[in-house]
Amino acid sequence: MINLDLTGKIALVTGASGGIGRACALMLSQAGAKVAINYRSSAEDAEQVAAQIREAGGEAALFQADVTQIDQVEAMIQGIQEQLGGTVDILINNAGHLVKRVANDVMTEEHYNQVMDVNMKSTVFVTRAVLAGMKEKKSGRIVNMTSVAAHNGGGAGASIYAASKAAVISYSKGLAKELGPDGITVNCISPGFIGNTAFHATFTPDSARQATINSIPLGREGHPDDVASAVIYFVSDLGSYITGETLEVNGGMFMR
């Protein structure tokens, strides 16, 4: 019997105020999890996600934190335990950003640090903050968001973003080996061109958007729910024997 029930589980989604993070938070709640909604600055959008969960009978709590700042991460994890009544069972490291497109000959150290911090550092230290609780339970699910850019180098001015997302994949493989004996799985999801997200609204011109869609074998852009469905696969019983893997959610635009 297929079991997608996450009742009794506490799920933390970083960057959950919109796009893929929002879709993950909503779908995790639909599966029965209590959801900790992390956001950095979009309080109104995050509250709308929480309201939608509560209106459907679910339980959600909001946590403002810049996940590149370790002290804020640790305070958030403590707050989750206090507000949701337990430690994190499911972690979705979704927060990430291109920041802006920058050619390497004008790359600044500040830009490099911004990109690496939001994509890689946040993944490492949010993960570190939840491990004690997962190890105590001998159970946990961690899903890290990477990108098709990790495989193909990304578009113009996105080389550091691509490198940061490739680092997430390698880190996840090492972590999967380390945490397997504790009953904790670690996997990645690599979204391709996902529409209805702030990322492409900001960084992809309409002409490039259509050209990309034309190159996708399934003939359409992805939706945040496509990614959220892959998350449910990994964190439910369906994904209990899978770890260290990267699932491509891209309609066939990149095949390994």
Foldseek 3Di string as FASTA:
>chain_A
DDQLAPAPAEEEFAQLLFFLNLLLQQVNQVSHYEYEYEDAPPVVSSVVSQVVSVVVPGHYDYQHADLLDLVSLLVSQVVCCVPVVAAHAEYELDFAALPAFDAPVPDDPVSLCVRLSRQPVSLVRNVVNRVVRLLVVLHHEYEYEAAVCLVVCDDHRRNSNNVSSVVVLVVQLVVQVVSVRSQYAGEYEYEYFEPRDPRCVPHPDPVRVVVLLVLQPQNGGHYSNLVSVVSSCCSGPNNSPDHSYYHYHYNRSDDD
